[in-house]
Amino acid sequence: MMARRAEDYIFNGVVVVPPHVAARLATLVSSELRQKQRDNDPDVYAVLVALRMVSLQYGKLSTRSGTPFATEAEPTTGLDLGVAAAADLMRISRRGVRKACEAQRLPARRVDGRWLISSEDAQNYHR
């Protein structure tokens, strides 16, 4: 397979990132760096959270090729976010996510003592 040119990923001034590339990029960005960007540059923060979301959705690790990165899109389970990732997406604190889950304002379930929240429910949550 021939590598694409950088121009192939630019459409009307917008860079389009394939899911497997987003998953790889998300592994390079720490949660701490994402949080620092929340106040420094909201656009950078939003893009980093979007990369993380795609990574979580399509990030089923493939070891067939020997590289621990997503290689193709796979369906999600619907309950794919933990409290920290949901908090990043929802732009609220982790405590706020836990309280919303406990009060049943945010659909979630507990598995092994941890809340699991679908990315769709997190995106649609209104305080």
C-alpha atoms as a PDB file:
ATOM      1  CA  MET A   1       0.000   0.000   0.000  1.00  0.00           C
ATOM      2  CA  MET A   2       1.331   3.396  -0.966  1.00  0.00           C
ATOM      3  CA  ALA A   3       1.477   6.102   1.712  1.00  0.00           C
ATOM      4  CA  ARG A   4      -0.904   8.989   1.268  1.00  0.00           C
ATOM      5  CA  ARG A   5       0.298  12.542   0.853  1.00  0.00           C
ATOM      6  CA  ALA A   6      -0.419  15.088   3.568  1.00  0.00           C
ATOM      7  CA  GLU A   7      -2.694  16.952   1.145  1.00  0.00           C
ATOM      8  CA  ASP A   8      -4.949  13.878   0.937  1.00  0.00           C
ATOM      9  CA  TYR A   9      -6.053  14.497   4.532  1.00  0.00           C
ATOM     10  CA  ILE A  10      -7.015  18.149   4.040  1.00  0.00           C
ATOM     11  CA  PHE A  11     -10.562  19.007   2.946  1.00  0.00           C
ATOM     12  CA  ASN A  12     -11.659  22.641   2.778  1.00  0.00           C
ATOM     13  CA  GLY A  13      -9.055  23.639   5.355  1.00  0.00           C
ATOM     14  CA  VAL A  14      -9.951  20.815   7.768  1.00  0.00           C
ATOM     15  CA  VAL A  15      -7.611  17.943   8.593  1.00  0.00           C
ATOM     16  CA  VAL A  16      -9.435  14.609   8.576  1.00  0.00           C
ATOM     17  CA  VAL A  17      -7.861  11.996  10.834  1.00  0.00           C
ATOM     18  CA  PRO A  18      -8.638   8.315  10.180  1.00  0.00           C
ATOM     19  CA  PRO A  19      -9.683   6.347  13.298  1.00  0.00           C
ATOM     20  CA  HIS A  20      -6.532   4.221  13.444  1.00  0.00           C
ATOM     21  CA  VAL A  21      -4.365   7.354  13.282  1.00  0.00           C
ATOM     22  CA  ALA A  22      -6.476   9.061  15.975  1.00  0.00           C
ATOM     23  CA  ALA A  23      -5.992   6.010  18.211  1.00  0.00           C
ATOM     24  CA  ARG A  24      -2.245   6.145  17.732  1.00  0.00           C
ATOM     25  CA  LEU A  25      -2.105   9.908  18.373  1.00  0.00           C
ATOM     26  CA  ALA A  26      -4.247   9.553  21.499  1.00  0.00           C
ATOM     27  CA  THR A  27      -1.684   7.176  22.997  1.00  0.00           C
ATOM     28  CA  LEU A  28       0.893   9.983  22.768  1.00  0.00           C
ATOM     29  CA  VAL A  29      -1.191  12.471  24.766  1.00  0.00           C
ATOM     30  CA  SER A  30      -1.425  12.092  28.529  1.00  0.00           C
ATOM     31  CA  SER A  31      -4.566  12.861  30.508  1.00  0.00           C
ATOM     32  CA  GLU A  32      -2.561  15.526  32.333  1.00  0.00           C
ATOM     33  CA  LEU A  33      -1.681  17.292  29.067  1.00  0.00           C
ATOM     34  CA  ARG A  34      -5.336  17.175  27.967  1.00  0.00           C
ATOM     35  CA  GLN A  35      -6.432  18.739  31.268  1.00  0.00           C
ATOM     36  CA  LYS A  36      -3.834  21.536  31.012  1.00  0.00           C
ATOM     37  CA  GLN A  37      -5.266  22.502  27.639  1.00  0.00           C
ATOM     38  CA  ARG A  38      -8.799  22.831  29.050  1.00  0.00           C
ATOM     39  CA  ASP A  39      -8.024  26.368  30.261  1.00  0.00           C
ATOM     40  CA  ASN A  40      -5.047  27.213  28.028  1.00  0.00           C
ATOM     41  CA  ASP A  41      -6.667  26.588  24.656  1.00  0.00           C
ATOM     42  CA  PRO A  42     -10.214  25.187  24.498  1.00  0.00           C
ATOM     43  CA  ASP A  43      -9.865  24.311  20.807  1.00  0.00           C
ATOM     44  CA  VAL A  44      -6.760  22.208  21.442  1.00  0.00           C
ATOM     45  CA  TYR A  45      -8.530  20.608  24.405  1.00  0.00           C
ATOM     46  CA  ALA A  46     -11.585  19.744  22.285  1.00  0.00           C
ATOM     47  CA  VAL A  47      -9.425  18.162  19.571  1.00  0.00           C
ATOM     48  CA  LEU A  48      -7.469  16.115  22.119  1.00  0.00           C
ATOM     49  CA  VAL A  49     -10.720  14.896  23.678  1.00  0.00           C
ATOM     50  CA  ALA A  50     -12.051  14.030  20.215  1.00  0.00           C
ATOM     51  CA  LEU A  51      -8.913  11.984  19.528  1.00  0.00           C
ATOM     52  CA  ARG A  52      -9.396  10.223  22.861  1.00  0.00           C
ATOM     53  CA  MET A  53     -13.044   9.492  22.051  1.00  0.00           C
ATOM     54  CA  VAL A  54     -12.172   7.974  18.688  1.00  0.00           C
ATOM     55  CA  SER A  55      -9.385   6.028  20.344  1.00  0.00           C
ATOM     56  CA  LEU A  56     -11.857   4.601  22.860  1.00  0.00           C
ATOM     57  CA  GLN A  57     -14.426   3.817  20.183  1.00  0.00           C
ATOM     58  CA  TYR A  58     -12.105   2.264  17.667  1.00  0.00           C
ATOM     59  CA  GLY A  59      -9.167   1.409  19.889  1.00  0.00           C
ATOM     60  CA  LYS A  60      -9.606  -2.325  20.158  1.00  0.00           C
ATOM     61  CA  LEU A  61      -5.982  -3.341  20.123  1.00  0.00           C
ATOM     62  CA  SER A  62      -4.803  -5.554  17.350  1.00  0.00           C
ATOM     63  CA  THR A  63      -1.858  -7.788  17.996  1.00  0.00           C
ATOM     64  CA  ARG A  64      -2.108  -9.624  14.690  1.00  0.00           C
ATOM     65  CA  SER A  65       0.343  -7.240  13.073  1.00  0.00           C
ATOM     66  CA  GLY A  66       2.490  -7.008  16.182  1.00  0.00           C
ATOM     67  CA  THR A  67       1.669  -3.338  16.745  1.00  0.00           C
ATOM     68  CA  PRO A  68      -0.573  -2.397  19.654  1.00  0.00           C
ATOM     69  CA  PHE A  69      -2.663   0.114  17.752  1.00  0.00           C
ATOM     70  CA  ALA A  70      -6.099   0.044  16.229  1.00  0.00           C
ATOM     71  CA  THR A  71      -6.046  -1.130  12.653  1.00  0.00           C
ATOM     72  CA  GLU A  72      -9.692  -0.901  11.683  1.00  0.00           C
ATOM     73  CA  ALA A  73     -12.981   0.406  12.989  1.00  0.00           C
ATOM     74  CA  GLU A  74     -14.844  -1.988  15.246  1.00  0.00           C
ATOM     75  CA  PRO A  75     -18.261  -1.522  16.799  1.00  0.00           C
ATOM     76  CA  THR A  76     -18.386  -0.231  20.342  1.00  0.00           C
ATOM     77  CA  THR A  77     -20.108  -1.911  23.250  1.00  0.00           C
ATOM     78  CA  GLY A  78     -22.037   1.262  24.038  1.00  0.00           C
ATOM     79  CA  LEU A  79     -20.529   1.376  27.525  1.00  0.00           C
ATOM     80  CA  ASP A  80     -17.022   2.374  26.706  1.00  0.00           C
ATOM     81  CA  LEU A  81     -16.092   5.358  28.883  1.00  0.00           C
ATOM     82  CA  GLY A  82     -14.839   5.392  32.425  1.00  0.00           C
ATOM     83  CA  VAL A  83     -15.375   8.345  34.741  1.00  0.00           C
ATOM     84  CA  ALA A  84     -12.181  10.190  33.716  1.00  0.00           C
ATOM     85  CA  ALA A  85     -12.839   9.950  29.963  1.00  0.00           C
ATOM     86  CA  ALA A  86     -16.501  10.897  30.423  1.00  0.00           C
ATOM     87  CA  ALA A  87     -15.466  13.904  32.538  1.00  0.00           C
ATOM     88  CA  ASP A  88     -13.104  15.061  29.779  1.00  0.00           C
ATOM     89  CA  LEU A  89     -15.817  14.704  27.168  1.00  0.00           C
ATOM     90  CA  MET A  90     -18.537  16.320  29.270  1.00  0.00           C
ATOM     91  CA  ARG A  91     -16.250  19.120  30.533  1.00  0.00           C
ATOM     92  CA  ILE A  92     -17.178  18.503  34.144  1.00  0.00           C
ATOM     93  CA  SER A  93     -15.258  17.084  37.083  1.00  0.00           C
ATOM     94  CA  ARG A  94     -14.914  13.388  37.771  1.00  0.00           C
ATOM     95  CA  ARG A  95     -16.910  13.912  40.937  1.00  0.00           C
ATOM     96  CA  GLY A  96     -19.669  15.528  38.857  1.00  0.00           C
ATOM     97  CA  VAL A  97     -19.795  12.455  36.607  1.00  0.00           C
ATOM     98  CA  ARG A  98     -19.996  10.115  39.600  1.00  0.00           C
ATOM     99  CA  LYS A  99     -22.748  12.212  41.200  1.00  0.00           C
ATOM    100  CA  ALA A 100     -24.746  12.270  37.941  1.00  0.00           C
ATOM    101  CA  CYS A 101     -24.422   8.481  37.691  1.00  0.00           C
ATOM    102  CA  GLU A 102     -25.454   7.956  41.311  1.00  0.00           C
ATOM    103  CA  ALA A 103     -28.460  10.271  40.905  1.00  0.00           C
ATOM    104  CA  GLN A 104     -29.379   8.464  37.671  1.00  0.00           C
ATOM    105  CA  ARG A 105     -29.226  11.706  35.694  1.00  0.00           C
ATOM    106  CA  LEU A 106     -26.583  10.061  33.496  1.00  0.00           C
ATOM    107  CA  PRO A 107     -27.276   6.517  32.275  1.00  0.00           C
ATOM    108  CA  ALA A 108     -24.472   4.280  33.506  1.00  0.00           C
ATOM    109  CA  ARG A 109     -23.801   0.984  35.193  1.00  0.00           C
ATOM    110  CA  ARG A 110     -21.282  -0.224  37.722  1.00  0.00           C
ATOM    111  CA  VAL A 111     -18.903  -3.005  36.785  1.00  0.00           C
ATOM    112  CA  ASP A 112     -16.321  -4.164  39.307  1.00  0.00           C
ATOM    113  CA  GLY A 113     -16.866  -0.980  41.312  1.00  0.00           C
ATOM    114  CA  ARG A 114     -16.408   1.340  38.311  1.00  0.00           C
ATOM    115  CA  TRP A 115     -18.959   3.400  36.442  1.00  0.00           C
ATOM    116  CA  LEU A 116     -19.241   2.737  32.713  1.00  0.00           C
ATOM    117  CA  ILE A 117     -20.905   5.362  30.537  1.00  0.00           C
ATOM    118  CA  SER A 118     -21.655   5.198  26.836  1.00  0.00           C
ATOM    119  CA  SER A 119     -19.906   7.867  24.800  1.00  0.00           C
ATOM    120  CA  GLU A 120     -23.283   8.760  23.266  1.00  0.00           C
ATOM    121  CA  ASP A 121     -24.859   9.367  26.690  1.00  0.00           C
ATOM    122  CA  ALA A 122     -21.854  11.433  27.762  1.00  0.00           C
ATOM    123  CA  GLN A 123     -22.089  13.562  24.610  1.00  0.00           C
ATOM    124  CA  ASN A 124     -25.827  14.125  25.098  1.00  0.00           C
ATOM    125  CA  TYR A 125     -25.654  14.910  28.823  1.00  0.00           C
ATOM    126  CA  HIS A 126     -27.032  18.271  29.910  1.00  0.00           C
ATOM    127  CA  ARG A 127     -26.324  19.559  33.418  1.00  0.00           C
END
